[in-house]
């Protein structure tokens, strides 16, 4: 469910990081420590790339909620499963994106 600003709440990949997710304490601490690192230690270009990817995931989740996930936003045709498996955030079918299927 989206938050008030329309974005989905960010969740850690491995549960709620309280140690109840099957990770040992050392792994949890290391993961938490890296997540809490000051932004100045991460290259600004990398931060922008991560934010762009998160926006794409938010948009894909929104399409899922709307029932349009897996439908090309250009032509309205279904996006094949192989393409969605390779890139779950894609918005175009192979024909519209100009990609040849292998």
Foldseek 3Di string as FASTA:
>chain_A
DADPVLFRDDDDPQHNLPCPSPDHVVVSVVVVVVVPDDPVVPDPVVVVVVVVVSVLVSVLVVCVVVVNQQAAPPPRHGADPVVCVVPVSDRHHCVVVVHDDD
